[in-house]
Amino acid sequence: MNSLEDQLKNLFPDHEPSEVPVEKKEPSIWLQDEPLLCKYEKRKGKPITIIEGYNGADHDFKILSKEIKQLLSVGGSFKNEQIIIQGDYRDKIMKFLKDKGFKVKRVGG
């Protein structure tokens, strides 16, 4: 049985395949000098983790919010210049942010 590549060569004998590198473009997020604050609260009896203190563009902070929610597979939101994550994930979030290049400060508990 011929491979797909062989079949395509038979169909298009004059075609020269070109190698097109596929670039994975990672959104660049502005890193700040001041540390991000990572704190734990309970609202309506449920634990939440709050990340605040980012002084870059809101768009960058929203991207960061989405990456954190995907990493932890949890819900959350971005509002009032804060990322609110459902559950107590301070340690995982702080490690993720440090790996990205942010300085992180743990507040409370």
C-alpha atoms as a PDB file:
ATOM      1  CA  MET A   1       0.000   0.000   0.000  1.00  0.00           C
ATOM      2  CA  ASN A   2       1.378   3.397  -0.978  1.00  0.00           C
ATOM      3  CA  SER A   3       1.741   6.097   1.578  1.00  0.00           C
ATOM      4  CA  LEU A   4      -0.091   9.368   1.167  1.00  0.00           C
ATOM      5  CA  GLU A   5       3.157  11.038   0.145  1.00  0.00           C
ATOM      6  CA  ASP A   6       3.691   8.489  -2.654  1.00  0.00           C
ATOM      7  CA  GLN A   7       0.120   8.920  -3.864  1.00  0.00           C
ATOM      8  CA  LEU A   8       0.529  12.685  -4.000  1.00  0.00           C
ATOM      9  CA  LYS A   9       3.792  12.296  -5.964  1.00  0.00           C
ATOM     10  CA  ASN A  10       1.939  10.141  -8.503  1.00  0.00           C
ATOM     11  CA  LEU A  11      -0.841  12.701  -8.832  1.00  0.00           C
ATOM     12  CA  PHE A  12       1.479  15.726  -9.015  1.00  0.00           C
ATOM     13  CA  PRO A  13       4.819  14.561 -10.471  1.00  0.00           C
ATOM     14  CA  ASP A  14       6.158  18.087 -11.146  1.00  0.00           C
ATOM     15  CA  HIS A  15       5.486  19.402  -7.629  1.00  0.00           C
ATOM     16  CA  GLU A  16       8.513  20.116  -5.455  1.00  0.00           C
ATOM     17  CA  PRO A  17       7.517  20.020  -1.787  1.00  0.00           C
ATOM     18  CA  SER A  18       8.740  22.979   0.180  1.00  0.00           C
ATOM     19  CA  GLU A  19       9.483  22.856   3.848  1.00  0.00           C
ATOM     20  CA  VAL A  20       7.497  25.581   5.551  1.00  0.00           C
ATOM     21  CA  PRO A  21       8.429  25.883   9.209  1.00  0.00           C
ATOM     22  CA  VAL A  22       5.383  26.222  11.407  1.00  0.00           C
ATOM     23  CA  GLU A  23       6.115  28.751  14.098  1.00  0.00           C
ATOM     24  CA  LYS A  24       4.318  28.367  17.358  1.00  0.00           C
ATOM     25  CA  LYS A  25       3.773  31.937  18.371  1.00  0.00           C
ATOM     26  CA  GLU A  26       3.516  32.346  22.105  1.00  0.00           C
ATOM     27  CA  PRO A  27       1.904  35.561  23.238  1.00  0.00           C
ATOM     28  CA  SER A  28       4.490  37.675  24.972  1.00  0.00           C
ATOM     29  CA  ILE A  29       3.268  38.993  28.282  1.00  0.00           C
ATOM     30  CA  TRP A  30       4.829  42.080  29.772  1.00  0.00           C
ATOM     31  CA  LEU A  31       6.817  41.205  32.888  1.00  0.00           C
ATOM     32  CA  GLN A  32       6.884  43.783  35.644  1.00  0.00           C
ATOM     33  CA  ASP A  33       9.398  44.533  38.370  1.00  0.00           C
ATOM     34  CA  GLU A  34       6.917  44.668  41.259  1.00  0.00           C
ATOM     35  CA  PRO A  35       5.725  41.282  42.541  1.00  0.00           C
ATOM     36  CA  LEU A  36       2.226  40.018  41.840  1.00  0.00           C
ATOM     37  CA  LEU A  37       0.196  39.467  44.992  1.00  0.00           C
ATOM     38  CA  CYS A  38      -1.288  36.002  45.456  1.00  0.00           C
ATOM     39  CA  LYS A  39      -3.836  35.765  48.258  1.00  0.00           C
ATOM     40  CA  TYR A  40      -6.485  33.408  49.566  1.00  0.00           C
ATOM     41  CA  GLU A  41     -10.008  34.339  50.589  1.00  0.00           C
ATOM     42  CA  LYS A  42     -13.316  32.682  51.251  1.00  0.00           C
ATOM     43  CA  ARG A  43     -16.373  34.118  49.566  1.00  0.00           C
ATOM     44  CA  LYS A  44     -19.780  32.673  50.293  1.00  0.00           C
ATOM     45  CA  GLY A  45     -18.033  29.824  52.109  1.00  0.00           C
ATOM     46  CA  LYS A  46     -15.970  28.810  49.079  1.00  0.00           C
ATOM     47  CA  PRO A  47     -12.197  29.184  48.767  1.00  0.00           C
ATOM     48  CA  ILE A  48     -10.774  31.416  46.046  1.00  0.00           C
ATOM     49  CA  THR A  49      -7.290  32.507  45.052  1.00  0.00           C
ATOM     50  CA  ILE A  50      -6.810  36.125  43.973  1.00  0.00           C
ATOM     51  CA  ILE A  51      -3.892  37.402  41.895  1.00  0.00           C
ATOM     52  CA  GLU A  52      -3.523  41.165  41.737  1.00  0.00           C
ATOM     53  CA  GLY A  53      -0.960  43.910  41.409  1.00  0.00           C
ATOM     54  CA  TYR A  54      -0.340  43.641  37.656  1.00  0.00           C
ATOM     55  CA  ASN A  55       0.356  47.038  36.110  1.00  0.00           C
ATOM     56  CA  GLY A  56       0.618  46.020  32.449  1.00  0.00           C
ATOM     57  CA  ALA A  57      -2.118  45.928  29.819  1.00  0.00           C
ATOM     58  CA  ASP A  58      -5.459  44.360  30.715  1.00  0.00           C
ATOM     59  CA  HIS A  59      -5.211  42.194  27.594  1.00  0.00           C
ATOM     60  CA  ASP A  60      -1.976  40.588  28.868  1.00  0.00           C
ATOM     61  CA  PHE A  61      -3.516  39.954  32.284  1.00  0.00           C
ATOM     62  CA  LYS A  62      -6.529  38.285  30.610  1.00  0.00           C
ATOM     63  CA  ILE A  63      -4.182  35.995  28.662  1.00  0.00           C
ATOM     64  CA  LEU A  64      -2.432  35.105  31.912  1.00  0.00           C
ATOM     65  CA  SER A  65      -5.809  34.449  33.542  1.00  0.00           C
ATOM     66  CA  LYS A  66      -6.781  32.061  30.752  1.00  0.00           C
ATOM     67  CA  GLU A  67      -3.457  30.195  30.970  1.00  0.00           C
ATOM     68  CA  ILE A  68      -3.830  29.722  34.737  1.00  0.00           C
ATOM     69  CA  LYS A  69      -7.403  28.447  34.411  1.00  0.00           C
ATOM     70  CA  GLN A  70      -6.345  25.985  31.684  1.00  0.00           C
ATOM     71  CA  LEU A  71      -3.341  24.822  33.710  1.00  0.00           C
ATOM     72  CA  LEU A  72      -5.457  24.058  36.767  1.00  0.00           C
ATOM     73  CA  SER A  73      -8.630  23.023  34.888  1.00  0.00           C
ATOM     74  CA  VAL A  74     -10.721  25.268  37.102  1.00  0.00           C
ATOM     75  CA  GLY A  75     -13.082  28.164  36.647  1.00  0.00           C
ATOM     76  CA  GLY A  76     -12.355  31.747  37.430  1.00  0.00           C
ATOM     77  CA  SER A  77     -12.748  35.271  36.194  1.00  0.00           C
ATOM     78  CA  PHE A  78     -10.931  38.501  35.487  1.00  0.00           C
ATOM     79  CA  LYS A  79     -12.414  41.710  36.820  1.00  0.00           C
ATOM     80  CA  ASN A  80     -11.378  44.878  38.642  1.00  0.00           C
ATOM     81  CA  GLU A  81      -7.750  44.206  37.637  1.00  0.00           C
ATOM     82  CA  GLN A  82      -7.778  40.926  39.575  1.00  0.00           C
ATOM     83  CA  ILE A  83      -7.660  37.298  38.512  1.00  0.00           C
ATOM     84  CA  ILE A  84     -10.036  35.250  40.650  1.00  0.00           C
ATOM     85  CA  ILE A  85      -9.507  31.479  40.579  1.00  0.00           C
ATOM     86  CA  GLN A  86     -11.957  29.060  42.188  1.00  0.00           C
ATOM     87  CA  GLY A  87     -10.205  27.022  44.888  1.00  0.00           C
ATOM     88  CA  ASP A  88      -6.999  27.346  46.910  1.00  0.00           C
ATOM     89  CA  TYR A  89      -4.206  26.916  44.347  1.00  0.00           C
ATOM     90  CA  ARG A  90      -1.698  29.444  45.688  1.00  0.00           C
ATOM     91  CA  ASP A  91       1.315  27.124  45.536  1.00  0.00           C
ATOM     92  CA  LYS A  92       0.656  25.907  41.968  1.00  0.00           C
ATOM     93  CA  ILE A  93      -0.154  29.411  40.714  1.00  0.00           C
ATOM     94  CA  MET A  94       2.938  30.901  42.354  1.00  0.00           C
ATOM     95  CA  LYS A  95       5.159  28.213  40.801  1.00  0.00           C
ATOM     96  CA  PHE A  96       3.563  28.799  37.361  1.00  0.00           C
ATOM     97  CA  LEU A  97       4.051  32.576  37.605  1.00  0.00           C
ATOM     98  CA  LYS A  98       7.670  32.194  38.769  1.00  0.00           C
ATOM     99  CA  ASP A  99       8.373  29.841  35.841  1.00  0.00           C
ATOM    100  CA  LYS A 100       6.977  32.539  33.523  1.00  0.00           C
ATOM    101  CA  GLY A 101       9.390  35.078  34.998  1.00  0.00           C
ATOM    102  CA  PHE A 102       7.153  36.983  37.415  1.00  0.00           C
ATOM    103  CA  LYS A 103       8.021  37.839  40.975  1.00  0.00           C
ATOM    104  CA  VAL A 104       5.263  36.639  43.297  1.00  0.00           C
ATOM    105  CA  LYS A 105       4.462  37.609  46.860  1.00  0.00           C
ATOM    106  CA  ARG A 106       2.207  35.474  49.034  1.00  0.00           C
ATOM    107  CA  VAL A 107      -0.239  37.526  51.078  1.00  0.00           C
ATOM    108  CA  GLY A 108      -2.050  36.127  54.106  1.00  0.00           C
ATOM    109  CA  GLY A 109      -2.250  32.567  55.493  1.00  0.00           C
END
